[in-house]
């Protein structure tokens, strides 16, 4: 399994405009084969800071995701939100289990 996690910082004044684009790509991506989870969440204490968390069954599924029309639309829209930084990490996960167990 792969995990993509990190942050995107956008112009805080553009956050409300970014929400519909984020919701559209989240809904479409969650229907993709190999997508386990896919979420953007806004920071409660820092306007313009968006947290990213994705889980993918394989690298092939992630690669296919980047070729989808909804991802192309999202990346194009993202450019209009005043990106200040984007820090995303890819993790390869060998095992998953409950916390504390």
PDB file of N, CA and C in Angstrom:
ATOM      1  N   UNK A   1       0.849  -1.170   0.000  1.00  0.00           N
ATOM      2  CA  UNK A   1       0.000   0.000   0.000  1.00  0.00           C
ATOM      3  C   UNK A   1       0.897   1.235   0.000  1.00  0.00           C
ATOM      4  N   UNK A   2       0.425   2.278  -0.664  1.00  0.00           N
ATOM      5  CA  UNK A   2       1.114   3.564  -0.677  1.00  0.00           C
ATOM      6  C   UNK A   2       0.279   4.593   0.062  1.00  0.00           C
ATOM      7  N   UNK A   3       0.961   5.470   0.777  1.00  0.00           N
ATOM      8  CA  UNK A   3       0.312   6.606   1.437  1.00  0.00           C
ATOM      9  C   UNK A   3       0.972   7.866   0.894  1.00  0.00           C
ATOM     10  N   UNK A   4       0.147   8.822   0.523  1.00  0.00           N
ATOM     11  CA  UNK A   4       0.606  10.155   0.137  1.00  0.00           C
ATOM     12  C   UNK A   4       0.073  11.082   1.217  1.00  0.00           C
ATOM     13  N   UNK A   5       0.970  11.852   1.833  1.00  0.00           N
ATOM     14  CA  UNK A   5       0.541  12.752   2.907  1.00  0.00           C
ATOM     15  C   UNK A   5       1.373  14.019   2.859  1.00  0.00           C
ATOM     16  N   UNK A   6       0.747  15.113   3.239  1.00  0.00           N
ATOM     17  CA  UNK A   6       1.476  16.371   3.279  1.00  0.00           C
ATOM     18  C   UNK A   6       0.533  17.559   3.311  1.00  0.00           C
ATOM     19  N   UNK A   7       1.046  18.683   2.825  1.00  0.00           N
ATOM     20  CA  UNK A   7       0.277  19.917   2.876  1.00  0.00           C
ATOM     21  C   UNK A   7       0.401  20.702   1.575  1.00  0.00           C
ATOM     22  N   UNK A   8      -0.644  21.473   1.327  1.00  0.00           N
ATOM     23  CA  UNK A   8      -0.650  22.465   0.251  1.00  0.00           C
ATOM     24  C   UNK A   8      -1.041  23.778   0.912  1.00  0.00           C
ATOM     25  N   UNK A   9      -0.248  24.817   0.693  1.00  0.00           N
ATOM     26  CA  UNK A   9      -0.575  26.150   1.198  1.00  0.00           C
ATOM     27  C   UNK A   9      -1.040  26.999   0.025  1.00  0.00           C
ATOM     28  N   UNK A  10      -2.236  27.556   0.164  1.00  0.00           N
ATOM     29  CA  UNK A  10      -2.781  28.432  -0.866  1.00  0.00           C
ATOM     30  C   UNK A  10      -3.066  29.797  -0.250  1.00  0.00           C
ATOM     31  N   UNK A  11      -3.362  30.763  -1.100  1.00  0.00           N
ATOM     32  CA  UNK A  11      -3.761  32.084  -0.630  1.00  0.00           C
ATOM     33  C   UNK A  11      -5.016  31.917   0.227  1.00  0.00           C
ATOM     34  N   UNK A  12      -4.975  32.335   1.489  1.00  0.00           N
ATOM     35  CA  UNK A  12      -6.156  32.175   2.352  1.00  0.00           C
ATOM     36  C   UNK A  12      -7.416  32.816   1.766  1.00  0.00           C
ATOM     37  N   UNK A  13      -7.258  33.871   0.995  1.00  0.00           N
ATOM     38  CA  UNK A  13      -8.413  34.527   0.376  1.00  0.00           C
ATOM     39  C   UNK A  13      -9.032  33.692  -0.739  1.00  0.00           C
ATOM     40  N   UNK A  14      -8.341  32.655  -1.189  1.00  0.00           N
ATOM     41  CA  UNK A  14      -8.829  31.783  -2.268  1.00  0.00           C
ATOM     42  C   UNK A  14      -9.387  30.461  -1.735  1.00  0.00           C
ATOM     43  N   UNK A  15      -9.347  30.263  -0.418  1.00  0.00           N
ATOM     44  CA  UNK A  15      -9.750  28.974   0.142  1.00  0.00           C
ATOM     45  C   UNK A  15     -11.194  28.620  -0.196  1.00  0.00           C
ATOM     46  N   UNK A  16     -12.095  29.574  -0.102  1.00  0.00           N
ATOM     47  CA  UNK A  16     -13.500  29.284  -0.410  1.00  0.00           C
ATOM     48  C   UNK A  16     -13.670  28.864  -1.867  1.00  0.00           C
ATOM     49  N   UNK A  17     -12.890  29.437  -2.767  1.00  0.00           N
ATOM     50  CA  UNK A  17     -12.943  29.071  -4.183  1.00  0.00           C
ATOM     51  C   UNK A  17     -12.381  27.667  -4.410  1.00  0.00           C
ATOM     52  N   UNK A  18     -11.438  27.250  -3.584  1.00  0.00           N
ATOM     53  CA  UNK A  18     -10.785  25.953  -3.753  1.00  0.00           C
ATOM     54  C   UNK A  18     -11.676  24.791  -3.318  1.00  0.00           C
ATOM     55  N   UNK A  19     -12.609  25.040  -2.431  1.00  0.00           N
ATOM     56  CA  UNK A  19     -13.422  23.958  -1.869  1.00  0.00           C
ATOM     57  C   UNK A  19     -14.200  23.178  -2.934  1.00  0.00           C
ATOM     58  N   UNK A  20     -14.918  23.825  -3.861  1.00  0.00           N
ATOM     59  CA  UNK A  20     -15.639  23.027  -4.868  1.00  0.00           C
ATOM     60  C   UNK A  20     -14.717  22.160  -5.730  1.00  0.00           C
ATOM     61  N   UNK A  21     -13.554  22.685  -6.098  1.00  0.00           N
ATOM     62  CA  UNK A  21     -12.607  21.900  -6.902  1.00  0.00           C
ATOM     63  C   UNK A  21     -12.094  20.708  -6.102  1.00  0.00           C
ATOM     64  N   UNK A  22     -11.808  20.911  -4.824  1.00  0.00           N
ATOM     65  CA  UNK A  22     -11.333  19.823  -3.970  1.00  0.00           C
ATOM     66  C   UNK A  22     -12.416  18.763  -3.789  1.00  0.00           C
ATOM     67  N   UNK A  23     -13.641  19.183  -3.577  1.00  0.00           N
ATOM     68  CA  UNK A  23     -14.735  18.228  -3.408  1.00  0.00           C
ATOM     69  C   UNK A  23     -14.957  17.410  -4.672  1.00  0.00           C
ATOM     70  N   UNK A  24     -14.859  18.051  -5.828  1.00  0.00           N
ATOM     71  CA  UNK A  24     -15.053  17.339  -7.096  1.00  0.00           C
ATOM     72  C   UNK A  24     -13.986  16.264  -7.286  1.00  0.00           C
ATOM     73  N   UNK A  25     -12.715  16.629  -7.082  1.00  0.00           N
ATOM     74  CA  UNK A  25     -11.647  15.639  -7.299  1.00  0.00           C
ATOM     75  C   UNK A  25     -11.686  14.554  -6.223  1.00  0.00           C
ATOM     76  N   UNK A  26     -12.064  14.889  -5.002  1.00  0.00           N
ATOM     77  CA  UNK A  26     -12.168  13.875  -3.951  1.00  0.00           C
ATOM     78  C   UNK A  26     -13.233  12.836  -4.313  1.00  0.00           C
ATOM     79  N   UNK A  27     -14.404  13.294  -4.731  1.00  0.00           N
ATOM     80  CA  UNK A  27     -15.491  12.368  -5.053  1.00  0.00           C
ATOM     81  C   UNK A  27     -15.119  11.462  -6.222  1.00  0.00           C
ATOM     82  N   UNK A  28     -14.574  12.043  -7.277  1.00  0.00           N
ATOM     83  CA  UNK A  28     -14.204  11.245  -8.448  1.00  0.00           C
ATOM     84  C   UNK A  28     -13.068  10.274  -8.125  1.00  0.00           C
ATOM     85  N   UNK A  29     -12.098  10.720  -7.367  1.00  0.00           N
ATOM     86  CA  UNK A  29     -10.946   9.877  -7.040  1.00  0.00           C
ATOM     87  C   UNK A  29     -11.348   8.707  -6.164  1.00  0.00           C
ATOM     88  N   UNK A  30     -12.234   8.932  -5.227  1.00  0.00           N
ATOM     89  CA  UNK A  30     -12.663   7.849  -4.337  1.00  0.00           C
ATOM     90  C   UNK A  30     -13.340   6.713  -5.091  1.00  0.00           C
ATOM     91  N   UNK A  31     -13.826   6.979  -6.304  1.00  0.00           N
ATOM     92  CA  UNK A  31     -14.459   5.940  -7.123  1.00  0.00           C
ATOM     93  C   UNK A  31     -13.445   5.182  -7.982  1.00  0.00           C
ATOM     94  N   UNK A  32     -12.183   5.600  -7.983  1.00  0.00           N
ATOM     95  CA  UNK A  32     -11.169   4.961  -8.804  1.00  0.00           C
ATOM     96  C   UNK A  32     -10.759   3.602  -8.227  1.00  0.00           C
ATOM     97  N   UNK A  33     -10.466   2.679  -9.131  1.00  0.00           N
ATOM     98  CA  UNK A  33      -9.928   1.381  -8.731  1.00  0.00           C
ATOM     99  C   UNK A  33      -8.580   1.594  -8.053  1.00  0.00           C
ATOM    100  N   UNK A  34      -8.414   1.001  -6.880  1.00  0.00           N
ATOM    101  CA  UNK A  34      -7.148   1.093  -6.161  1.00  0.00           C
ATOM    102  C   UNK A  34      -7.052   2.231  -5.177  1.00  0.00           C
ATOM    103  N   UNK A  35      -8.050   3.118  -5.164  1.00  0.00           N
ATOM    104  CA  UNK A  35      -8.064   4.196  -4.170  1.00  0.00           C
ATOM    105  C   UNK A  35      -8.702   3.659  -2.893  1.00  0.00           C
ATOM    106  N   UNK A  36      -7.945   3.695  -1.815  1.00  0.00           N
ATOM    107  CA  UNK A  36      -8.444   3.235  -0.520  1.00  0.00           C
ATOM    108  C   UNK A  36      -9.048   4.406   0.246  1.00  0.00           C
ATOM    109  N   UNK A  37      -8.354   5.542   0.242  1.00  0.00           N
ATOM    110  CA  UNK A  37      -8.899   6.765   0.840  1.00  0.00           C
ATOM    111  C   UNK A  37      -8.246   7.965   0.169  1.00  0.00           C
ATOM    112  N   UNK A  38      -8.947   9.093   0.192  1.00  0.00           N
ATOM    113  CA  UNK A  38      -8.457  10.300  -0.473  1.00  0.00           C
ATOM    114  C   UNK A  38      -9.156  11.479   0.179  1.00  0.00           C
ATOM    115  N   UNK A  39      -8.386  12.329   0.851  1.00  0.00           N
ATOM    116  CA  UNK A  39      -9.026  13.431   1.574  1.00  0.00           C
ATOM    117  C   UNK A  39      -8.152  14.666   1.620  1.00  0.00           C
ATOM    118  N   UNK A  40      -8.804  15.799   1.484  1.00  0.00           N
ATOM    119  CA  UNK A  40      -8.213  17.102   1.769  1.00  0.00           C
ATOM    120  C   UNK A  40      -8.936  17.623   2.999  1.00  0.00           C
ATOM    121  N   UNK A  41      -8.209  18.270   3.893  1.00  0.00           N
ATOM    122  CA  UNK A  41      -8.856  18.893   5.046  1.00  0.00           C
ATOM    123  C   UNK A  41      -8.164  20.216   5.342  1.00  0.00           C
ATOM    124  N   UNK A  42      -8.991  21.213   5.638  1.00  0.00           N
ATOM    125  CA  UNK A  42      -8.471  22.546   5.933  1.00  0.00           C
ATOM    126  C   UNK A  42      -8.007  22.603   7.378  1.00  0.00           C
ATOM    127  N   UNK A  43      -6.889  23.268   7.604  1.00  0.00           N
ATOM    128  CA  UNK A  43      -6.387  23.466   8.963  1.00  0.00           C
ATOM    129  C   UNK A  43      -7.391  24.296   9.754  1.00  0.00           C
ATOM    130  N   UNK A  44      -7.606  23.912  10.990  1.00  0.00           N
ATOM    131  CA  UNK A  44      -8.518  24.676  11.845  1.00  0.00           C
ATOM    132  C   UNK A  44      -7.895  25.981  12.322  1.00  0.00           C
ATOM    133  N   UNK A  45      -6.579  26.035  12.393  1.00  0.00           N
ATOM    134  CA  UNK A  45      -5.928  27.206  12.955  1.00  0.00           C
ATOM    135  C   UNK A  45      -5.139  28.059  11.984  1.00  0.00           C
ATOM    136  N   UNK A  46      -5.014  27.605  10.735  1.00  0.00           N
ATOM    137  CA  UNK A  46      -4.196  28.345   9.780  1.00  0.00           C
ATOM    138  C   UNK A  46      -4.899  28.413   8.425  1.00  0.00           C
ATOM    139  N   UNK A  47      -5.589  29.507   8.138  1.00  0.00           N
ATOM    140  CA  UNK A  47      -6.275  29.644   6.853  1.00  0.00           C
ATOM    141  C   UNK A  47      -5.312  29.465   5.683  1.00  0.00           C
ATOM    142  N   UNK A  48      -5.776  28.753   4.669  1.00  0.00           N
ATOM    143  CA  UNK A  48      -4.964  28.512   3.489  1.00  0.00           C
ATOM    144  C   UNK A  48      -4.104  27.263   3.568  1.00  0.00           C
ATOM    145  N   UNK A  49      -4.070  26.606   4.705  1.00  0.00           N
ATOM    146  CA  UNK A  49      -3.291  25.372   4.855  1.00  0.00           C
ATOM    147  C   UNK A  49      -4.232  24.180   4.674  1.00  0.00           C
ATOM    148  N   UNK A  50      -3.924  23.363   3.674  1.00  0.00           N
ATOM    149  CA  UNK A  50      -4.735  22.199   3.347  1.00  0.00           C
ATOM    150  C   UNK A  50      -3.892  20.945   3.604  1.00  0.00           C
ATOM    151  N   UNK A  51      -4.436  20.025   4.373  1.00  0.00           N
ATOM    152  CA  UNK A  51      -3.771  18.748   4.632  1.00  0.00           C
ATOM    153  C   UNK A  51      -4.254  17.730   3.595  1.00  0.00           C
ATOM    154  N   UNK A  52      -3.335  16.917   3.112  1.00  0.00           N
ATOM    155  CA  UNK A  52      -3.619  15.904   2.106  1.00  0.00           C
ATOM    156  C   UNK A  52      -3.328  14.533   2.698  1.00  0.00           C
ATOM    157  N   UNK A  53      -4.250  13.587   2.499  1.00  0.00           N
ATOM    158  CA  UNK A  53      -4.011  12.211   2.931  1.00  0.00           C
ATOM    159  C   UNK A  53      -4.655  11.273   1.921  1.00  0.00           C
ATOM    160  N   UNK A  54      -3.837  10.386   1.352  1.00  0.00           N
ATOM    161  CA  UNK A  54      -4.308   9.427   0.351  1.00  0.00           C
ATOM    162  C   UNK A  54      -3.737   8.048   0.674  1.00  0.00           C
ATOM    163  N   UNK A  55      -4.525   7.013   0.387  1.00  0.00           N
ATOM    164  CA  UNK A  55      -4.048   5.640   0.478  1.00  0.00           C
ATOM    165  C   UNK A  55      -4.369   4.954  -0.853  1.00  0.00           C
ATOM    166  N   UNK A  56      -3.357   4.267  -1.407  1.00  0.00           N
ATOM    167  CA  UNK A  56      -3.497   3.611  -2.699  1.00  0.00           C
ATOM    168  C   UNK A  56      -3.073   2.152  -2.594  1.00  0.00           C
ATOM    169  N   UNK A  57      -3.755   1.284  -3.306  1.00  0.00           N
ATOM    170  CA  UNK A  57      -3.452  -0.143  -3.278  1.00  0.00           C
ATOM    171  C   UNK A  57      -2.125  -0.452  -3.970  1.00  0.00           C
ATOM    172  N   UNK A  58      -1.733   0.381  -4.950  1.00  0.00           N
ATOM    173  CA  UNK A  58      -0.510   0.094  -5.703  1.00  0.00           C
ATOM    174  C   UNK A  58      -0.005   1.347  -6.404  1.00  0.00           C
ATOM    175  N   UNK A  59       1.239   1.277  -6.868  1.00  0.00           N
ATOM    176  CA  UNK A  59       1.800   2.373  -7.654  1.00  0.00           C
ATOM    177  C   UNK A  59       1.044   2.517  -8.975  1.00  0.00           C
ATOM    178  N   UNK A  60       0.606   1.386  -9.537  1.00  0.00           N
ATOM    179  CA  UNK A  60      -0.148   1.428 -10.789  1.00  0.00           C
ATOM    180  C   UNK A  60      -1.454   2.205 -10.622  1.00  0.00           C
ATOM    181  N   UNK A  61      -2.127   2.017  -9.493  1.00  0.00           N
ATOM    182  CA  UNK A  61      -3.366   2.751  -9.233  1.00  0.00           C
ATOM    183  C   UNK A  61      -3.092   4.247  -9.093  1.00  0.00           C
ATOM    184  N   UNK A  62      -2.018   4.586  -8.404  1.00  0.00           N
ATOM    185  CA  UNK A  62      -1.646   5.998  -8.252  1.00  0.00           C
ATOM    186  C   UNK A  62      -1.279   6.603  -9.597  1.00  0.00           C
ATOM    187  N   UNK A  63      -0.512   5.874 -10.403  1.00  0.00           N
ATOM    188  CA  UNK A  63      -0.145   6.363 -11.736  1.00  0.00           C
ATOM    189  C   UNK A  63      -1.392   6.607 -12.587  1.00  0.00           C
ATOM    190  N   UNK A  64      -2.343   5.684 -12.540  1.00  0.00           N
ATOM    191  CA  UNK A  64      -3.584   5.842 -13.301  1.00  0.00           C
ATOM    192  C   UNK A  64      -4.345   7.078 -12.840  1.00  0.00           C
ATOM    193  N   UNK A  65      -4.329   7.337 -11.539  1.00  0.00           N
ATOM    194  CA  UNK A  65      -5.005   8.514 -10.981  1.00  0.00           C
ATOM    195  C   UNK A  65      -4.496   9.796 -11.627  1.00  0.00           C
ATOM    196  N   UNK A  66      -3.178   9.895 -11.801  1.00  0.00           N
ATOM    197  CA  UNK A  66      -2.611  11.111 -12.376  1.00  0.00           C
ATOM    198  C   UNK A  66      -2.979  11.300 -13.840  1.00  0.00           C
ATOM    199  N   UNK A  67      -3.478  10.255 -14.489  1.00  0.00           N
ATOM    200  CA  UNK A  67      -3.898  10.359 -15.877  1.00  0.00           C
ATOM    201  C   UNK A  67      -5.385  10.607 -16.077  1.00  0.00           C
ATOM    202  N   UNK A  68      -6.126  10.790 -14.999  1.00  0.00           N
ATOM    203  CA  UNK A  68      -7.577  10.971 -15.117  1.00  0.00           C
ATOM    204  C   UNK A  68      -7.945  12.408 -15.483  1.00  0.00           C
ATOM    205  N   UNK A  69      -9.064  12.578 -16.180  1.00  0.00           N
ATOM    206  CA  UNK A  69      -9.522  13.931 -16.513  1.00  0.00           C
ATOM    207  C   UNK A  69      -9.813  14.788 -15.278  1.00  0.00           C
ATOM    208  N   UNK A  70     -10.370  14.179 -14.216  1.00  0.00           N
ATOM    209  CA  UNK A  70     -10.683  14.989 -13.032  1.00  0.00           C
ATOM    210  C   UNK A  70      -9.415  15.480 -12.334  1.00  0.00           C
ATOM    211  N   UNK A  71      -8.339  14.709 -12.397  1.00  0.00           N
ATOM    212  CA  UNK A  71      -7.084  15.176 -11.811  1.00  0.00           C
ATOM    213  C   UNK A  71      -6.496  16.297 -12.656  1.00  0.00           C
ATOM    214  N   UNK A  72      -6.594  16.191 -13.977  1.00  0.00           N
ATOM    215  CA  UNK A  72      -6.111  17.263 -14.854  1.00  0.00           C
ATOM    216  C   UNK A  72      -6.871  18.565 -14.574  1.00  0.00           C
ATOM    217  N   UNK A  73      -8.195  18.467 -14.413  1.00  0.00           N
ATOM    218  CA  UNK A  73      -8.992  19.668 -14.103  1.00  0.00           C
ATOM    219  C   UNK A  73      -8.589  20.261 -12.764  1.00  0.00           C
ATOM    220  N   UNK A  74      -8.362  19.397 -11.777  1.00  0.00           N
ATOM    221  CA  UNK A  74      -7.992  19.883 -10.449  1.00  0.00           C
ATOM    222  C   UNK A  74      -6.636  20.581 -10.476  1.00  0.00           C
ATOM    223  N   UNK A  75      -5.663  19.978 -11.144  1.00  0.00           N
ATOM    224  CA  UNK A  75      -4.336  20.594 -11.205  1.00  0.00           C
ATOM    225  C   UNK A  75      -4.383  21.937 -11.918  1.00  0.00           C
ATOM    226  N   UNK A  76      -5.210  22.038 -12.951  1.00  0.00           N
ATOM    227  CA  UNK A  76      -5.362  23.311 -13.646  1.00  0.00           C
ATOM    228  C   UNK A  76      -6.005  24.342 -12.712  1.00  0.00           C
ATOM    229  N   UNK A  77      -7.032  23.960 -11.995  1.00  0.00           N
ATOM    230  CA  UNK A  77      -7.702  24.875 -11.060  1.00  0.00           C
ATOM    231  C   UNK A  77      -6.778  25.276  -9.921  1.00  0.00           C
ATOM    232  N   UNK A  78      -5.969  24.342  -9.455  1.00  0.00           N
ATOM    233  CA  UNK A  78      -5.069  24.595  -8.330  1.00  0.00           C
ATOM    234  C   UNK A  78      -4.151  25.779  -8.599  1.00  0.00           C
ATOM    235  N   UNK A  79      -3.748  25.950  -9.831  1.00  0.00           N
ATOM    236  CA  UNK A  79      -2.891  27.073 -10.195  1.00  0.00           C
ATOM    237  C   UNK A  79      -3.515  28.428  -9.935  1.00  0.00           C
ATOM    238  N   UNK A  80      -4.831  28.490  -9.900  1.00  0.00           N
ATOM    239  CA  UNK A  80      -5.527  29.748  -9.664  1.00  0.00           C
ATOM    240  C   UNK A  80      -5.778  30.061  -8.195  1.00  0.00           C
ATOM    241  N   UNK A  81      -5.310  29.207  -7.302  1.00  0.00           N
ATOM    242  CA  UNK A  81      -5.574  29.407  -5.872  1.00  0.00           C
ATOM    243  C   UNK A  81      -4.386  29.996  -5.126  1.00  0.00           C
ATOM    244  N   UNK A  82      -3.407  30.513  -5.859  1.00  0.00           N
ATOM    245  CA  UNK A  82      -2.270  31.167  -5.219  1.00  0.00           C
ATOM    246  C   UNK A  82      -1.434  30.218  -4.383  1.00  0.00           C
ATOM    247  N   UNK A  83      -0.955  29.141  -5.006  1.00  0.00           N
ATOM    248  CA  UNK A  83      -0.141  28.160  -4.279  1.00  0.00           C
ATOM    249  C   UNK A  83       1.099  28.842  -3.712  1.00  0.00           C
ATOM    250  N   UNK A  84       1.296  28.669  -2.418  1.00  0.00           N
ATOM    251  CA  UNK A  84       2.475  29.204  -1.741  1.00  0.00           C
ATOM    252  C   UNK A  84       3.508  28.123  -1.483  1.00  0.00           C
ATOM    253  N   UNK A  85       3.052  26.905  -1.282  1.00  0.00           N
ATOM    254  CA  UNK A  85       3.949  25.761  -1.149  1.00  0.00           C
ATOM    255  C   UNK A  85       3.143  24.483  -1.285  1.00  0.00           C
ATOM    256  N   UNK A  86       3.851  23.420  -1.643  1.00  0.00           N
ATOM    257  CA  UNK A  86       3.243  22.098  -1.724  1.00  0.00           C
ATOM    258  C   UNK A  86       4.304  21.111  -1.259  1.00  0.00           C
ATOM    259  N   UNK A  87       4.016  20.427  -0.165  1.00  0.00           N
ATOM    260  CA  UNK A  87       4.950  19.458   0.398  1.00  0.00           C
ATOM    261  C   UNK A  87       4.215  18.141   0.592  1.00  0.00           C
ATOM    262  N   UNK A  88       4.454  17.214  -0.321  1.00  0.00           N
ATOM    263  CA  UNK A  88       3.799  15.913  -0.275  1.00  0.00           C
ATOM    264  C   UNK A  88       4.867  14.826  -0.230  1.00  0.00           C
ATOM    265  N   UNK A  89       4.615  13.814   0.574  1.00  0.00           N
ATOM    266  CA  UNK A  89       5.533  12.686   0.723  1.00  0.00           C
ATOM    267  C   UNK A  89       4.814  11.411   0.322  1.00  0.00           C
ATOM    268  N   UNK A  90       5.563  10.468  -0.263  1.00  0.00           N
ATOM    269  CA  UNK A  90       5.048   9.153  -0.635  1.00  0.00           C
ATOM    270  C   UNK A  90       5.664   8.132   0.319  1.00  0.00           C
ATOM    271  N   UNK A  91       4.807   7.343   0.931  1.00  0.00           N
ATOM    272  CA  UNK A  91       5.256   6.309   1.871  1.00  0.00           C
ATOM    273  C   UNK A  91       4.833   4.945   1.347  1.00  0.00           C
ATOM    274  N   UNK A  92       5.711   3.963   1.432  1.00  0.00           N
ATOM    275  CA  UNK A  92       5.374   2.581   1.134  1.00  0.00           C
ATOM    276  C   UNK A  92       5.123   1.895   2.467  1.00  0.00           C
ATOM    277  N   UNK A  93       3.943   1.338   2.623  1.00  0.00           N
ATOM    278  CA  UNK A  93       3.528   0.750   3.894  1.00  0.00           C
ATOM    279  C   UNK A  93       3.563  -0.766   3.786  1.00  0.00           C
ATOM    280  N   UNK A  94       4.311  -1.396   4.692  1.00  0.00           N
ATOM    281  CA  UNK A  94       4.451  -2.855   4.662  1.00  0.00           C
ATOM    282  C   UNK A  94       3.326  -3.558   5.417  1.00  0.00           C
ATOM    283  N   UNK A  95       2.818  -2.923   6.472  1.00  0.00           N
ATOM    284  CA  UNK A  95       1.726  -3.541   7.222  1.00  0.00           C
ATOM    285  C   UNK A  95       0.878  -2.454   7.867  1.00  0.00           C
ATOM    286  N   UNK A  96      -0.367  -2.803   8.144  1.00  0.00           N
ATOM    287  CA  UNK A  96      -1.314  -1.872   8.746  1.00  0.00           C
ATOM    288  C   UNK A  96      -2.070  -2.629   9.834  1.00  0.00           C
ATOM    289  N   UNK A  97      -2.289  -1.985  10.962  1.00  0.00           N
ATOM    290  CA  UNK A  97      -3.066  -2.597  12.035  1.00  0.00           C
ATOM    291  C   UNK A  97      -3.574  -1.532  12.971  1.00  0.00           C
ATOM    292  N   UNK A  98      -4.406  -1.902  13.887  1.00  0.00           N
ATOM    293  CA  UNK A  98      -4.972  -0.934  14.828  1.00  0.00           C
ATOM    294  C   UNK A  98      -3.899  -0.361  15.751  1.00  0.00           C
ATOM    295  N   UNK A  99      -4.113   0.843  16.156  1.00  0.00           N
ATOM    296  CA  UNK A  99      -3.203   1.509  17.101  1.00  0.00           C
ATOM    297  C   UNK A  99      -3.287   0.808  18.450  1.00  0.00           C
ATOM    298  N   UNK A 100      -2.156   0.516  19.007  1.00  0.00           N
ATOM    299  CA  UNK A 100      -2.126  -0.112  20.319  1.00  0.00           C
ATOM    300  C   UNK A 100      -2.392  -1.596  20.309  1.00  0.00           C
ATOM    301  N   UNK A 101      -2.476  -2.192  19.154  1.00  0.00           N
ATOM    302  CA  UNK A 101      -2.800  -3.603  19.157  1.00  0.00           C
ATOM    303  C   UNK A 101      -1.921  -4.351  18.286  1.00  0.00           C
TER     304      UNK A 101
END
